[in-house]
PDB file of all heavy atoms in Angstrom:
ATOM      1  N   ASN A   1     151.555  13.371  43.202  1.00  0.00           N
ATOM      2  CA  ASN A   1     152.083  13.567  41.859  1.00  0.00           C
ATOM      3  C   ASN A   1     152.534  15.042  41.689  1.00  0.00           C
ATOM      4  O   ASN A   1     152.344  15.873  42.594  1.00  0.00           O
ATOM      5  CB  ASN A   1     151.065  13.121  40.768  1.00  0.00           C
ATOM      6  CG  ASN A   1     149.832  14.002  40.682  1.00  0.00           C
ATOM      7  OD1 ASN A   1     149.772  15.066  41.213  1.00  0.00           O
ATOM      8  ND2 ASN A   1     148.851  13.434  40.015  1.00  0.00           N
ATOM      9  N   ALA A   2     153.015  15.331  40.495  1.00  0.00           N
ATOM     10  CA  ALA A   2     153.545  16.681  40.190  1.00  0.00           C
ATOM     11  C   ALA A   2     152.479  17.775  40.323  1.00  0.00           C
ATOM     12  O   ALA A   2     152.824  18.914  40.476  1.00  0.00           O
ATOM     13  CB  ALA A   2     154.205  16.694  38.865  1.00  0.00           C
ATOM     14  N   ASP A   3     151.240  17.366  40.154  1.00  0.00           N
ATOM     15  CA  ASP A   3     150.131  18.380  40.201  1.00  0.00           C
ATOM     16  C   ASP A   3     149.549  18.592  41.603  1.00  0.00           C
ATOM     17  O   ASP A   3     148.557  19.274  41.808  1.00  0.00           O
ATOM     18  CB  ASP A   3     148.974  17.922  39.295  1.00  0.00           C
ATOM     19  CG  ASP A   3     149.355  17.900  37.820  1.00  0.00           C
ATOM     20  OD1 ASP A   3     150.021  18.880  37.403  1.00  0.00           O
ATOM     21  OD2 ASP A   3     148.959  16.951  37.120  1.00  0.00           O
ATOM     22  N   GLY A   4     150.218  17.922  42.644  1.00  0.00           N
ATOM     23  CA  GLY A   4     149.763  18.030  43.988  1.00  0.00           C
ATOM     24  C   GLY A   4     148.506  17.134  44.274  1.00  0.00           C
ATOM     25  O   GLY A   4     147.768  17.464  45.197  1.00  0.00           O
ATOM     26  N   GLN A   5     148.321  16.137  43.470  1.00  0.00           N
ATOM     27  CA  GLN A   5     147.135  15.247  43.679  1.00  0.00           C
ATOM     28  C   GLN A   5     147.671  13.830  44.134  1.00  0.00           C
ATOM     29  O   GLN A   5     148.769  13.415  43.695  1.00  0.00           O
ATOM     30  CB  GLN A   5     146.391  15.057  42.344  1.00  0.00           C
ATOM     31  CG  GLN A   5     145.976  16.341  41.699  1.00  0.00           C
ATOM     32  CD  GLN A   5     144.887  17.083  42.414  1.00  0.00           C
ATOM     33  OE1 GLN A   5     143.952  16.429  42.916  1.00  0.00           O
ATOM     34  NE2 GLN A   5     145.025  18.346  42.571  1.00  0.00           N
ATOM     35  N   LEU A   6     146.918  13.197  44.943  1.00  0.00           N
ATOM     36  CA  LEU A   6     147.241  11.814  45.363  1.00  0.00           C
ATOM     37  C   LEU A   6     146.902  10.847  44.244  1.00  0.00           C
ATOM     38  O   LEU A   6     145.849  10.911  43.613  1.00  0.00           O
ATOM     39  CB  LEU A   6     146.434  11.391  46.628  1.00  0.00           C
ATOM     40  CG  LEU A   6     146.981  11.921  47.971  1.00  0.00           C
ATOM     41  CD1 LEU A   6     145.966  11.601  49.026  1.00  0.00           C
ATOM     42  CD2 LEU A   6     148.314  11.300  48.307  1.00  0.00           C
ATOM     43  N   GLU A   7     147.842   9.884  44.022  1.00  0.00           N
ATOM     44  CA  GLU A   7     147.577   8.817  43.068  1.00  0.00           C
ATOM     45  C   GLU A   7     147.586   7.492  43.842  1.00  0.00           C
ATOM     46  O   GLU A   7     148.457   7.217  44.647  1.00  0.00           O
ATOM     47  CB  GLU A   7     148.690   8.762  41.996  1.00  0.00           C
ATOM     48  CG  GLU A   7     148.723   9.914  41.011  1.00  0.00           C
ATOM     49  CD  GLU A   7     149.816   9.872  40.049  1.00  0.00           C
ATOM     50  OE1 GLU A   7     150.758   9.064  40.255  1.00  0.00           O
ATOM     51  OE2 GLU A   7     149.749  10.519  39.003  1.00  0.00           O
ATOM     52  N   TYR A   8     146.605   6.649  43.582  1.00  0.00           N
ATOM     53  CA  TYR A   8     146.525   5.336  44.196  1.00  0.00           C
ATOM     54  C   TYR A   8     147.495   4.417  43.436  1.00  0.00           C
ATOM     55  O   TYR A   8     147.573   4.412  42.210  1.00  0.00           O
ATOM     56  CB  TYR A   8     145.111   4.757  44.088  1.00  0.00           C
ATOM     57  CG  TYR A   8     144.993   3.365  44.577  1.00  0.00           C
ATOM     58  CD1 TYR A   8     144.786   3.084  45.926  1.00  0.00           C
ATOM     59  CD2 TYR A   8     145.022   2.294  43.737  1.00  0.00           C
ATOM     60  CE1 TYR A   8     144.687   1.806  46.403  1.00  0.00           C
ATOM     61  CE2 TYR A   8     144.919   0.965  44.206  1.00  0.00           C
ATOM     62  CZ  TYR A   8     144.749   0.764  45.512  1.00  0.00           C
ATOM     63  OH  TYR A   8     144.700  -0.547  46.031  1.00  0.00           O
ATOM     64  N   VAL A   9     148.286   3.601  44.221  1.00  0.00           N
ATOM     65  CA  VAL A   9     149.279   2.746  43.628  1.00  0.00           C
ATOM     66  C   VAL A   9     148.845   1.282  43.802  1.00  0.00           C
ATOM     67  O   VAL A   9     148.714   0.532  42.847  1.00  0.00           O
ATOM     68  CB  VAL A   9     150.678   2.970  44.241  1.00  0.00           C
ATOM     69  CG1 VAL A   9     151.624   1.955  43.655  1.00  0.00           C
ATOM     70  CG2 VAL A   9     151.091   4.396  43.977  1.00  0.00           C
ATOM     71  N   SER A  10     148.611   0.833  45.043  1.00  0.00           N
ATOM     72  CA  SER A  10     148.224  -0.577  45.311  1.00  0.00           C
ATOM     73  C   SER A  10     147.875  -0.696  46.835  1.00  0.00           C
ATOM     74  O   SER A  10     147.866   0.255  47.536  1.00  0.00           O
ATOM     75  CB  SER A  10     149.361  -1.483  44.969  1.00  0.00           C
ATOM     76  OG  SER A  10     150.502  -1.269  45.804  1.00  0.00           O
ATOM     77  N   ARG A  11     147.604  -1.945  47.216  1.00  0.00           N
ATOM     78  CA  ARG A  11     147.371  -2.239  48.615  1.00  0.00           C
ATOM     79  C   ARG A  11     148.633  -2.678  49.301  1.00  0.00           C
ATOM     80  O   ARG A  11     149.516  -3.277  48.663  1.00  0.00           O
ATOM     81  CB  ARG A  11     146.351  -3.391  48.733  1.00  0.00           C
ATOM     82  CG  ARG A  11     144.933  -2.984  48.469  1.00  0.00           C
ATOM     83  CD  ARG A  11     144.345  -2.021  49.522  1.00  0.00           C
ATOM     84  NE  ARG A  11     144.280  -2.605  50.830  1.00  0.00           N
ATOM     85  CZ  ARG A  11     143.857  -1.899  51.892  1.00  0.00           C
ATOM     86  NH1 ARG A  11     143.443  -0.680  51.791  1.00  0.00           N
ATOM     87  NH2 ARG A  11     143.822  -2.530  53.072  1.00  0.00           N
ATOM     88  N   ALA A  12     148.671  -2.480  50.583  1.00  0.00           N
ATOM     89  CA  ALA A  12     149.795  -2.923  51.370  1.00  0.00           C
ATOM     90  C   ALA A  12     149.478  -4.291  52.042  1.00  0.00           C
ATOM     91  O   ALA A  12     150.314  -4.821  52.727  1.00  0.00           O
ATOM     92  CB  ALA A  12     150.175  -1.945  52.495  1.00  0.00           C
ATOM     93  N   ASP A  13     148.293  -4.794  51.828  1.00  0.00           N
ATOM     94  CA  ASP A  13     147.830  -6.057  52.432  1.00  0.00           C
ATOM     95  C   ASP A  13     147.025  -6.838  51.406  1.00  0.00           C
ATOM     96  O   ASP A  13     147.128  -6.641  50.242  1.00  0.00           O
ATOM     97  CB  ASP A  13     147.093  -5.776  53.747  1.00  0.00           C
ATOM     98  CG  ASP A  13     145.873  -4.926  53.519  1.00  0.00           C
ATOM     99  OD1 ASP A  13     145.436  -4.764  52.351  1.00  0.00           O
ATOM    100  OD2 ASP A  13     145.354  -4.359  54.501  1.00  0.00           O
ATOM    101  N   ASP A  14     146.233  -7.762  51.943  1.00  0.00           N
ATOM    102  CA  ASP A  14     145.473  -8.679  51.011  1.00  0.00           C
ATOM    103  C   ASP A  14     144.038  -8.225  50.777  1.00  0.00           C
ATOM    104  O   ASP A  14     143.215  -9.032  50.368  1.00  0.00           O
ATOM    105  CB  ASP A  14     145.470 -10.125  51.650  1.00  0.00           C
ATOM    106  CG  ASP A  14     146.825 -10.787  51.526  1.00  0.00           C
ATOM    107  OD1 ASP A  14     147.554 -10.398  50.591  1.00  0.00           O
ATOM    108  OD2 ASP A  14     147.126 -11.659  52.335  1.00  0.00           O
ATOM    109  N   GLN A  15     143.742  -6.943  51.039  1.00  0.00           N
ATOM    110  CA  GLN A  15     142.391  -6.468  50.763  1.00  0.00           C
ATOM    111  C   GLN A  15     142.324  -6.095  49.231  1.00  0.00           C
ATOM    112  O   GLN A  15     143.293  -5.616  48.677  1.00  0.00           O
ATOM    113  CB  GLN A  15     142.075  -5.239  51.574  1.00  0.00           C
ATOM    114  CG  GLN A  15     140.625  -4.761  51.374  1.00  0.00           C
ATOM    115  CD  GLN A  15     140.407  -3.413  52.054  1.00  0.00           C
ATOM    116  OE1 GLN A  15     140.278  -2.367  51.421  1.00  0.00           O
ATOM    117  NE2 GLN A  15     140.445  -3.381  53.346  1.00  0.00           N
ATOM    118  N   VAL A  16     141.179  -6.420  48.617  1.00  0.00           N
ATOM    119  CA  VAL A  16     141.011  -6.053  47.199  1.00  0.00           C
ATOM    120  C   VAL A  16     139.644  -5.327  47.059  1.00  0.00           C
ATOM    121  O   VAL A  16     138.800  -5.386  47.917  1.00  0.00           O
ATOM    122  CB  VAL A  16     141.079  -7.270  46.293  1.00  0.00           C
ATOM    123  CG1 VAL A  16     142.397  -7.961  46.393  1.00  0.00           C
ATOM    124  CG2 VAL A  16     139.884  -8.271  46.581  1.00  0.00           C
ATOM    125  N   LYS A  17     139.517  -4.588  45.959  1.00  0.00           N
ATOM    126  CA  LYS A  17     138.277  -3.983  45.575  1.00  0.00           C
ATOM    127  C   LYS A  17     137.812  -4.660  44.245  1.00  0.00           C
ATOM    128  O   LYS A  17     138.576  -4.601  43.300  1.00  0.00           O
ATOM    129  CB  LYS A  17     138.401  -2.502  45.390  1.00  0.00           C
ATOM    130  CG  LYS A  17     138.400  -1.680  46.645  1.00  0.00           C
ATOM    131  CD  LYS A  17     137.064  -1.757  47.401  1.00  0.00           C
ATOM    132  CE  LYS A  17     136.985  -0.771  48.552  1.00  0.00           C
ATOM    133  NZ  LYS A  17     136.770   0.603  48.123  1.00  0.00           N
ATOM    134  N   LEU A  18     136.653  -5.260  44.227  1.00  0.00           N
ATOM    135  CA  LEU A  18     136.172  -5.956  43.054  1.00  0.00           C
ATOM    136  C   LEU A  18     134.749  -5.517  42.768  1.00  0.00           C
ATOM    137  O   LEU A  18     133.861  -5.774  43.596  1.00  0.00           O
ATOM    138  CB  LEU A  18     136.294  -7.422  43.257  1.00  0.00           C
ATOM    139  CG  LEU A  18     135.931  -8.351  42.034  1.00  0.00           C
ATOM    140  CD1 LEU A  18     136.938  -8.078  40.900  1.00  0.00           C
ATOM    141  CD2 LEU A  18     135.943  -9.794  42.424  1.00  0.00           C
ATOM    142  N   ARG A  19     134.488  -4.820  41.708  1.00  0.00           N
ATOM    143  CA  ARG A  19     133.198  -4.264  41.312  1.00  0.00           C
ATOM    144  C   ARG A  19     132.532  -3.497  42.504  1.00  0.00           C
ATOM    145  O   ARG A  19     131.290  -3.565  42.770  1.00  0.00           O
ATOM    146  CB  ARG A  19     132.239  -5.367  40.873  1.00  0.00           C
ATOM    147  CG  ARG A  19     132.717  -6.046  39.554  1.00  0.00           C
ATOM    148  CD  ARG A  19     131.699  -6.924  38.961  1.00  0.00           C
ATOM    149  NE  ARG A  19     131.570  -8.176  39.709  1.00  0.00           N
ATOM    150  CZ  ARG A  19     132.383  -9.254  39.567  1.00  0.00           C
ATOM    151  NH1 ARG A  19     133.389  -9.178  38.696  1.00  0.00           N
ATOM    152  NH2 ARG A  19     132.202 -10.369  40.244  1.00  0.00           N
ATOM    153  N   GLY A  20     133.370  -2.801  43.247  1.00  0.00           N
ATOM    154  CA  GLY A  20     132.892  -1.983  44.346  1.00  0.00           C
ATOM    155  C   GLY A  20     132.867  -2.707  45.638  1.00  0.00           C
ATOM    156  O   GLY A  20     132.737  -2.055  46.709  1.00  0.00           O
ATOM    157  N   PHE A  21     132.999  -4.015  45.674  1.00  0.00           N
ATOM    158  CA  PHE A  21     132.980  -4.802  46.946  1.00  0.00           C
ATOM    159  C   PHE A  21     134.367  -4.663  47.542  1.00  0.00           C
ATOM    160  O   PHE A  21     135.349  -4.881  46.878  1.00  0.00           O
ATOM    161  CB  PHE A  21     132.618  -6.264  46.664  1.00  0.00           C
ATOM    162  CG  PHE A  21     131.182  -6.484  46.337  1.00  0.00           C
ATOM    163  CD1 PHE A  21     130.788  -6.407  45.021  1.00  0.00           C
ATOM    164  CD2 PHE A  21     130.231  -6.755  47.308  1.00  0.00           C
ATOM    165  CE1 PHE A  21     129.454  -6.628  44.650  1.00  0.00           C
ATOM    166  CE2 PHE A  21     128.878  -6.986  46.956  1.00  0.00           C
ATOM    167  CZ  PHE A  21     128.541  -6.918  45.642  1.00  0.00           C
ATOM    168  N   ARG A  22     134.428  -4.385  48.872  1.00  0.00           N
ATOM    169  CA  ARG A  22     135.645  -4.419  49.589  1.00  0.00           C
ATOM    170  C   ARG A  22     135.788  -5.783  50.190  1.00  0.00           C
ATOM    171  O   ARG A  22     134.991  -6.188  51.061  1.00  0.00           O
ATOM    172  CB  ARG A  22     135.600  -3.372  50.658  1.00  0.00           C
ATOM    173  CG  ARG A  22     136.699  -3.377  51.672  1.00  0.00           C
ATOM    174  CD  ARG A  22     136.592  -2.132  52.584  1.00  0.00           C
ATOM    175  NE  ARG A  22     137.274  -2.388  53.858  1.00  0.00           N
ATOM    176  CZ  ARG A  22     137.385  -1.422  54.805  1.00  0.00           C
ATOM    177  NH1 ARG A  22     136.786  -0.227  54.588  1.00  0.00           N
ATOM    178  NH2 ARG A  22     137.965  -1.692  55.938  1.00  0.00           N
ATOM    179  N   ILE A  23     136.774  -6.520  49.708  1.00  0.00           N
ATOM    180  CA  ILE A  23     136.955  -7.930  50.094  1.00  0.00           C
ATOM    181  C   ILE A  23     138.266  -8.202  50.751  1.00  0.00           C
ATOM    182  O   ILE A  23     139.337  -7.829  50.113  1.00  0.00           O
ATOM    183  CB  ILE A  23     136.771  -8.831  48.850  1.00  0.00           C
ATOM    184  CG1 ILE A  23     135.425  -8.600  48.185  1.00  0.00           C
ATOM    185  CG2 ILE A  23     136.914 -10.322  49.212  1.00  0.00           C
ATOM    186  CD1 ILE A  23     135.372  -9.181  46.754  1.00  0.00           C
ATOM    187  N   GLU A  24     138.302  -8.796  51.912  1.00  0.00           N
ATOM    188  CA  GLU A  24     139.499  -9.238  52.484  1.00  0.00           C
ATOM    189  C   GLU A  24     139.725 -10.689  52.061  1.00  0.00           C
ATOM    190  O   GLU A  24     138.871 -11.577  52.349  1.00  0.00           O
ATOM    191  CB  GLU A  24     139.450  -9.217  54.042  1.00  0.00           C
ATOM    192  CG  GLU A  24     139.340  -7.797  54.629  1.00  0.00           C
ATOM    193  CD  GLU A  24     140.682  -7.126  54.782  1.00  0.00           C
ATOM    194  OE1 GLU A  24     141.697  -7.734  54.414  1.00  0.00           O
ATOM    195  OE2 GLU A  24     140.683  -5.980  55.318  1.00  0.00           O
ATOM    196  N   LEU A  25     140.784 -10.940  51.261  1.00  0.00           N
ATOM    197  CA  LEU A  25     140.990 -12.297  50.761  1.00  0.00           C
ATOM    198  C   LEU A  25     141.057 -13.356  51.888  1.00  0.00           C
ATOM    199  O   LEU A  25     140.627 -14.490  51.683  1.00  0.00           O
ATOM    200  CB  LEU A  25     142.252 -12.360  49.886  1.00  0.00           C
ATOM    201  CG  LEU A  25     142.248 -11.459  48.639  1.00  0.00           C
ATOM    202  CD1 LEU A  25     143.505 -11.640  47.905  1.00  0.00           C
ATOM    203  CD2 LEU A  25     141.024 -11.749  47.755  1.00  0.00           C
ATOM    204  N   GLY A  26     141.546 -12.896  52.992  1.00  0.00           N
ATOM    205  CA  GLY A  26     141.638 -13.782  54.145  1.00  0.00           C
ATOM    206  C   GLY A  26     140.311 -14.309  54.625  1.00  0.00           C
ATOM    207  O   GLY A  26     140.196 -15.452  55.142  1.00  0.00           O
ATOM    208  N   GLU A  27     139.252 -13.512  54.527  1.00  0.00           N
ATOM    209  CA  GLU A  27     137.948 -13.908  54.912  1.00  0.00           C
ATOM    210  C   GLU A  27     137.453 -15.045  54.037  1.00  0.00           C
ATOM    211  O   GLU A  27     136.913 -16.061  54.522  1.00  0.00           O
ATOM    212  CB  GLU A  27     136.951 -12.760  54.899  1.00  0.00           C
ATOM    213  CG  GLU A  27     135.559 -13.176  55.324  1.00  0.00           C
ATOM    214  CD  GLU A  27     134.517 -12.039  55.430  1.00  0.00           C
ATOM    215  OE1 GLU A  27     134.920 -10.850  55.248  1.00  0.00           O
ATOM    216  OE2 GLU A  27     133.354 -12.338  55.610  1.00  0.00           O
ATOM    217  N   VAL A  28     137.648 -14.925  52.728  1.00  0.00           N
ATOM    218  CA  VAL A  28     137.219 -15.962  51.764  1.00  0.00           C
ATOM    219  C   VAL A  28     138.037 -17.233  52.027  1.00  0.00           C
ATOM    220  O   VAL A  28     137.520 -18.358  52.007  1.00  0.00           O
ATOM    221  CB  VAL A  28     137.358 -15.450  50.343  1.00  0.00           C
ATOM    222  CG1 VAL A  28     136.797 -16.564  49.397  1.00  0.00           C
ATOM    223  CG2 VAL A  28     136.670 -14.140  50.146  1.00  0.00           C
ATOM    224  N   GLU A  29     139.332 -17.064  52.257  1.00  0.00           N
ATOM    225  CA  GLU A  29     140.202 -18.201  52.480  1.00  0.00           C
ATOM    226  C   GLU A  29     139.826 -18.942  53.741  1.00  0.00           C
ATOM    227  O   GLU A  29     139.868 -20.179  53.871  1.00  0.00           O
ATOM    228  CB  GLU A  29     141.669 -17.748  52.531  1.00  0.00           C
ATOM    229  CG  GLU A  29     142.225 -17.324  51.186  1.00  0.00           C
ATOM    230  CD  GLU A  29     143.549 -16.589  51.307  1.00  0.00           C
ATOM    231  OE1 GLU A  29     143.930 -16.275  52.431  1.00  0.00           O
ATOM    232  OE2 GLU A  29     144.167 -16.317  50.235  1.00  0.00           O
ATOM    233  N   ALA A  30     139.427 -18.178  54.735  1.00  0.00           N
ATOM    234  CA  ALA A  30     139.042 -18.829  56.031  1.00  0.00           C
ATOM    235  C   ALA A  30     137.801 -19.655  55.895  1.00  0.00           C
ATOM    236  O   ALA A  30     137.656 -20.767  56.415  1.00  0.00           O
ATOM    237  CB  ALA A  30     138.781 -17.747  57.088  1.00  0.00           C
ATOM    238  N   VAL A  31     136.822 -19.210  55.060  1.00  0.00           N
ATOM    239  CA  VAL A  31     135.602 -19.977  54.815  1.00  0.00           C
ATOM    240  C   VAL A  31     135.922 -21.189  54.015  1.00  0.00           C
ATOM    241  O   VAL A  31     135.505 -22.318  54.376  1.00  0.00           O
ATOM    242  CB  VAL A  31     134.595 -19.124  54.072  1.00  0.00           C
ATOM    243  CG1 VAL A  31     133.392 -19.969  53.620  1.00  0.00           C
ATOM    244  CG2 VAL A  31     134.126 -17.939  54.911  1.00  0.00           C
ATOM    245  N   LEU A  32     136.740 -21.150  53.002  1.00  0.00           N
ATOM    246  CA  LEU A  32     137.157 -22.258  52.158  1.00  0.00           C
ATOM    247  C   LEU A  32     137.884 -23.301  52.949  1.00  0.00           C
ATOM    248  O   LEU A  32     137.706 -24.474  52.808  1.00  0.00           O
ATOM    249  CB  LEU A  32     137.930 -21.805  50.941  1.00  0.00           C
ATOM    250  CG  LEU A  32     137.171 -20.987  49.918  1.00  0.00           C
ATOM    251  CD1 LEU A  32     138.139 -20.424  48.834  1.00  0.00           C
ATOM    252  CD2 LEU A  32     136.078 -21.736  49.252  1.00  0.00           C
ATOM    253  N   SER A  33     138.821 -22.768  53.845  1.00  0.00           N
ATOM    254  CA  SER A  33     139.599 -23.719  54.669  1.00  0.00           C
ATOM    255  C   SER A  33     138.783 -24.513  55.652  1.00  0.00           C
ATOM    256  O   SER A  33     139.200 -25.536  56.182  1.00  0.00           O
ATOM    257  CB  SER A  33     140.743 -22.956  55.398  1.00  0.00           C
ATOM    258  OG  SER A  33     141.597 -22.360  54.442  1.00  0.00           O
ATOM    259  N   GLY A  34     137.618 -24.016  55.932  1.00  0.00           N
ATOM    260  CA  GLY A  34     136.739 -24.699  56.826  1.00  0.00           C
ATOM    261  C   GLY A  34     135.897 -25.808  56.213  1.00  0.00           C
ATOM    262  O   GLY A  34     135.142 -26.483  56.932  1.00  0.00           O
ATOM    263  N   LEU A  35     135.953 -25.906  54.943  1.00  0.00           N
ATOM    264  CA  LEU A  35     135.171 -26.919  54.205  1.00  0.00           C
ATOM    265  C   LEU A  35     135.827 -28.329  54.342  1.00  0.00           C
ATOM    266  O   LEU A  35     137.049 -28.408  54.492  1.00  0.00           O
ATOM    267  CB  LEU A  35     135.108 -26.585  52.697  1.00  0.00           C
ATOM    268  CG  LEU A  35     134.334 -25.327  52.322  1.00  0.00           C
ATOM    269  CD1 LEU A  35     134.443 -25.087  50.859  1.00  0.00           C
ATOM    270  CD2 LEU A  35     132.923 -25.409  52.757  1.00  0.00           C
ATOM    271  N   PRO A  36     134.979 -29.365  54.406  1.00  0.00           N
ATOM    272  CA  PRO A  36     135.586 -30.718  54.512  1.00  0.00           C
ATOM    273  C   PRO A  36     136.546 -31.046  53.350  1.00  0.00           C
ATOM    274  O   PRO A  36     136.246 -30.698  52.193  1.00  0.00           O
ATOM    275  CB  PRO A  36     134.299 -31.631  54.398  1.00  0.00           C
ATOM    276  CG  PRO A  36     133.154 -30.728  54.792  1.00  0.00           C
ATOM    277  CD  PRO A  36     133.538 -29.359  54.317  1.00  0.00           C
ATOM    278  N   GLY A  37     137.654 -31.623  53.687  1.00  0.00           N
ATOM    279  CA  GLY A  37     138.621 -32.010  52.649  1.00  0.00           C
ATOM    280  C   GLY A  37     139.581 -30.894  52.175  1.00  0.00           C
ATOM    281  O   GLY A  37     140.416 -31.157  51.351  1.00  0.00           O
ATOM    282  N   VAL A  38     139.362 -29.664  52.717  1.00  0.00           N
ATOM    283  CA  VAL A  38     140.239 -28.582  52.282  1.00  0.00           C
ATOM    284  C   VAL A  38     141.217 -28.258  53.418  1.00  0.00           C
ATOM    285  O   VAL A  38     140.809 -27.888  54.556  1.00  0.00           O
ATOM    286  CB  VAL A  38     139.427 -27.323  51.956  1.00  0.00           C
ATOM    287  CG1 VAL A  38     140.339 -26.184  51.535  1.00  0.00           C
ATOM    288  CG2 VAL A  38     138.424 -27.580  50.787  1.00  0.00           C
ATOM    289  N   SER A  39     142.495 -28.412  53.176  1.00  0.00           N
ATOM    290  CA  SER A  39     143.493 -28.169  54.198  1.00  0.00           C
ATOM    291  C   SER A  39     144.111 -26.799  54.119  1.00  0.00           C
ATOM    292  O   SER A  39     144.599 -26.206  55.073  1.00  0.00           O
ATOM    293  CB  SER A  39     144.626 -29.228  54.151  1.00  0.00           C
ATOM    294  OG  SER A  39     145.267 -29.150  52.853  1.00  0.00           O
ATOM    295  N   ALA A  40     144.076 -26.258  52.919  1.00  0.00           N
ATOM    296  CA  ALA A  40     144.634 -24.841  52.710  1.00  0.00           C
ATOM    297  C   ALA A  40     143.983 -24.234  51.480  1.00  0.00           C
ATOM    298  O   ALA A  40     143.537 -24.966  50.559  1.00  0.00           O
ATOM    299  CB  ALA A  40     146.173 -24.892  52.525  1.00  0.00           C
ATOM    300  N   ALA A  41     143.839 -22.953  51.475  1.00  0.00           N
ATOM    301  CA  ALA A  41     143.175 -22.273  50.317  1.00  0.00           C
ATOM    302  C   ALA A  41     143.948 -20.920  50.041  1.00  0.00           C
ATOM    303  O   ALA A  41     144.477 -20.280  50.941  1.00  0.00           O
ATOM    304  CB  ALA A  41     141.721 -21.979  50.585  1.00  0.00           C
TER     305      ALA A  41
END
């Protein structure tokens, strides 16, 4: 920024931060897709 400080904008991938937890959405999707009857998540 104009003050010479870095500003966070967003992620370039599917990682998120939620209440301090670093979560790869792909990890959750992989677990759900492995459940019986789930073809995609």
